[in-house]
Amino acid sequence: MSKWLVISDNHGDVEILSKMQAALQPDVIFHCGDSEMAHDDPWFQGVHVVQGNMDYDSEFPLVATPTIEGLKVLLTHGHYDAVHWDLTKLSLHADEERADVVFFGHTHELAVEVTDGHLFVNPGSISQPRGEFRRLGGTCALLTVDDRQVKVQYYTRDGQPVPDLAFVYQRSQF
């Protein structure tokens, strides 16, 4: 079993990244872009990270596709996949990459669902939230992954779980 931190859209708020890492103690970290930081910032060492539309450091990849715990991940910011409209283009991208799990940001709105055989997770923005859960002040997602299921729990920027935002998916669903 391992814990995966998925975080996005901190927009220059460097301290919150270390704070969430310390609070949640993940085994793996994924950053979905719009950090507005340099690719060689020490915080990114060992982190799977991609470039967002507000990241001007071209050394960030646009997409990453690591396989961890037997799950292939598609990590992207989402702006090239039109995620503001729907998940159609992102789902096709996931099909093309043969991804089980898709992490994306860009909208600043948290979301989680299984569609077309893929688990889609948007952690929301940790620093500039929008939408229905804006009142939480910023969110990230912590996935607990084992050989049978994936649990997705959303956390606020003060490291507290949001009770109504906990979900369990069987790996056989994707």
Protein backbone atom coordinates (compact mmCIF):
# COMPACT_ATOMS: atom_id res chain seq x y z
CA MET A 1 0.00 0.00 0.00
CA SER A 2 1.26 3.47 -0.82
CA LYS A 3 0.07 7.05 -0.50
CA TRP A 4 0.07 9.37 -3.49
CA LEU A 5 -0.23 13.14 -3.07
CA VAL A 6 -1.78 14.92 -6.05
CA ILE A 7 -1.47 18.69 -5.95
CA SER A 8 -1.91 21.45 -8.50
CA ASP A 9 -2.10 25.15 -9.20
CA ASN A 10 -0.15 26.53 -6.24
CA HIS A 11 0.72 29.59 -8.39
CA GLY A 12 3.96 30.55 -6.65
CA ASP A 13 2.86 29.55 -3.14
CA VAL A 14 5.99 27.50 -2.45
CA GLU A 15 5.47 27.05 1.28
CA ILE A 16 2.16 25.20 0.87
CA LEU A 17 3.88 22.41 -1.07
CA SER A 18 6.28 21.59 1.76
CA LYS A 19 3.49 22.01 4.30
CA MET A 20 1.25 19.47 2.55
CA GLN A 21 4.12 17.06 2.03
CA ALA A 22 4.98 17.20 5.75
CA ALA A 23 1.35 16.90 6.85
CA LEU A 24 0.38 13.99 4.59
CA GLN A 25 3.68 12.07 4.38
CA PRO A 26 3.13 10.66 0.86
CA ASP A 27 5.22 7.97 -0.77
CA VAL A 28 4.79 9.55 -4.22
CA ILE A 29 4.00 13.12 -5.27
CA PHE A 30 2.35 14.30 -8.48
CA HIS A 31 2.16 18.01 -9.36
CA CYS A 32 -0.30 18.86 -12.14
CA GLY A 33 1.32 22.17 -13.11
CA ASP A 34 0.95 25.90 -12.63
CA SER A 35 3.51 25.95 -9.86
CA GLU A 36 5.10 29.11 -11.32
CA MET A 37 8.41 27.75 -10.02
CA ALA A 38 11.65 26.72 -11.74
CA HIS A 39 11.95 23.10 -12.82
CA ASP A 40 15.14 22.74 -10.76
CA ASP A 41 13.56 23.96 -7.52
CA PRO A 42 14.69 21.51 -4.80
CA TRP A 43 11.07 20.72 -3.91
CA PHE A 44 10.59 19.00 -7.28
CA GLN A 45 13.33 16.44 -6.62
CA GLY A 46 11.67 13.04 -6.88
CA VAL A 47 8.30 14.62 -7.79
CA HIS A 48 6.37 13.79 -10.96
CA VAL A 49 5.58 17.24 -12.36
CA VAL A 50 4.30 18.75 -15.60
CA GLN A 51 4.09 22.20 -17.13
CA GLY A 52 0.93 24.24 -16.77
CA ASN A 53 -0.22 27.19 -18.85
CA MET A 54 1.27 29.60 -16.27
CA ASP A 55 4.65 27.81 -16.07
CA TYR A 56 7.15 29.56 -18.27
CA ASP A 57 10.03 27.19 -17.57
CA SER A 58 10.12 25.06 -20.72
CA GLU A 59 12.12 22.34 -18.95
CA PHE A 60 8.92 20.94 -17.46
CA PRO A 61 7.42 18.16 -19.60
CA LEU A 62 3.89 18.71 -20.88
CA VAL A 63 2.92 15.13 -19.98
CA ALA A 64 4.34 12.38 -17.79
CA THR A 65 3.28 8.72 -17.84
CA PRO A 66 4.87 6.82 -14.96
CA THR A 67 3.70 3.36 -13.93
CA ILE A 68 3.51 2.94 -10.16
CA GLU A 69 2.05 0.02 -8.19
CA GLY A 70 1.00 -1.50 -11.52
CA LEU A 71 -1.09 1.54 -12.49
CA LYS A 72 -0.16 3.65 -15.48
CA VAL A 73 -0.65 7.33 -14.72
CA LEU A 74 -1.28 10.10 -17.21
CA LEU A 75 -0.15 13.34 -15.56
CA THR A 76 -1.04 16.54 -17.40
CA HIS A 77 -2.17 20.06 -16.61
CA GLY A 78 -5.21 19.71 -18.83
CA HIS A 79 -5.19 22.95 -20.79
CA TYR A 80 -4.31 21.15 -24.05
CA ASP A 81 -7.09 18.64 -23.39
CA ALA A 82 -9.90 21.21 -23.07
CA VAL A 83 -10.77 20.16 -19.51
CA HIS A 84 -12.80 23.33 -18.96
CA TRP A 85 -15.43 21.89 -21.32
CA ASP A 86 -15.54 18.18 -20.50
CA LEU A 87 -13.30 15.12 -20.23
CA THR A 88 -13.76 13.85 -23.80
CA LYS A 89 -10.40 14.94 -25.18
CA LEU A 90 -8.61 13.95 -21.96
CA SER A 91 -10.29 10.53 -22.04
CA LEU A 92 -9.10 10.01 -25.62
CA HIS A 93 -5.60 11.05 -24.50
CA ALA A 94 -5.83 8.51 -21.66
CA ASP A 95 -6.91 5.82 -24.13
CA GLU A 96 -3.95 6.66 -26.35
CA GLU A 97 -1.53 6.42 -23.41
CA ARG A 98 -3.31 3.32 -22.03
CA ALA A 99 -3.53 5.07 -18.69
CA ASP A 100 -5.42 3.66 -15.73
CA VAL A 101 -5.34 6.87 -13.71
CA VAL A 102 -5.39 10.47 -14.96
CA PHE A 103 -4.27 13.43 -12.85
CA PHE A 104 -4.99 16.93 -14.13
CA GLY A 105 -5.51 20.48 -12.89
CA HIS A 106 -6.12 23.76 -14.69
CA THR A 107 -9.78 24.30 -13.72
CA HIS A 108 -8.99 24.97 -10.03
CA GLU A 109 -12.06 22.82 -9.26
CA LEU A 110 -11.69 19.44 -7.61
CA ALA A 111 -13.24 16.45 -9.36
CA VAL A 112 -13.03 12.67 -9.22
CA GLU A 113 -14.80 10.06 -11.33
CA VAL A 114 -14.33 6.84 -13.22
CA THR A 115 -15.21 7.24 -16.88
CA ASP A 116 -14.38 5.10 -19.90
CA GLY A 117 -12.22 2.79 -17.77
CA HIS A 118 -10.04 5.57 -16.32
CA LEU A 119 -9.93 7.11 -12.85
CA PHE A 120 -9.83 10.90 -13.32
CA VAL A 121 -8.64 13.02 -10.40
CA ASN A 122 -8.39 16.80 -10.31
CA PRO A 123 -7.07 17.83 -6.89
CA GLY A 124 -8.40 21.37 -7.28
CA SER A 125 -6.11 24.32 -6.66
CA ILE A 126 -4.22 24.32 -3.38
CA SER A 127 -3.95 28.14 -3.50
CA GLN A 128 -6.68 29.60 -5.72
CA PRO A 129 -9.76 27.36 -5.56
CA ARG A 130 -12.85 27.90 -7.69
CA GLY A 131 -16.29 26.41 -7.94
CA GLU A 132 -18.47 24.58 -5.45
CA PHE A 133 -15.65 23.82 -3.00
CA ARG A 134 -13.98 27.24 -3.11
CA ARG A 135 -15.08 27.78 0.50
CA LEU A 136 -12.53 25.15 1.59
CA GLY A 137 -9.71 27.58 0.78
CA GLY A 138 -7.70 25.18 -1.38
CA THR A 139 -7.50 21.41 -1.78
CA CYS A 140 -5.27 18.53 -2.75
CA ALA A 141 -5.96 14.80 -3.05
CA LEU A 142 -4.32 11.90 -1.27
CA LEU A 143 -4.76 8.50 -2.87
CA THR A 144 -4.19 5.35 -0.87
CA VAL A 145 -3.37 2.62 -3.35
CA ASP A 146 -3.30 -1.12 -2.72
CA ASP A 147 -3.66 -4.16 -4.96
CA ARG A 148 -7.49 -4.11 -4.82
CA GLN A 149 -8.62 -0.50 -4.53
CA VAL A 150 -7.79 3.17 -4.67
CA LYS A 151 -9.10 5.49 -1.97
CA VAL A 152 -9.26 9.18 -2.82
CA GLN A 153 -9.44 11.61 0.09
CA TYR A 154 -9.43 15.37 -0.37
CA TYR A 155 -7.59 17.57 2.14
CA THR A 156 -7.69 21.28 2.87
CA ARG A 157 -4.55 23.39 2.90
CA ASP A 158 -4.35 23.03 6.66
CA GLY A 159 -3.88 19.27 6.23
CA GLN A 160 -7.37 18.29 7.35
CA PRO A 161 -9.41 15.65 5.51
CA VAL A 162 -12.77 16.76 4.12
CA PRO A 163 -15.19 14.06 5.38
CA ASP A 164 -17.67 14.45 2.51
CA LEU A 165 -14.88 14.16 -0.08
CA ALA A 166 -13.72 10.58 0.42
CA PHE A 167 -14.18 8.02 -2.35
CA VAL A 168 -13.25 4.36 -2.88
CA TYR A 169 -12.78 2.74 -6.29
CA GLN A 170 -12.01 -0.88 -7.10
CA ARG A 171 -8.99 -1.28 -9.35
CA SER A 172 -11.10 -3.56 -11.51
CA GLN A 173 -13.08 -0.44 -12.56
CA PHE A 174 -10.12 0.89 -14.55
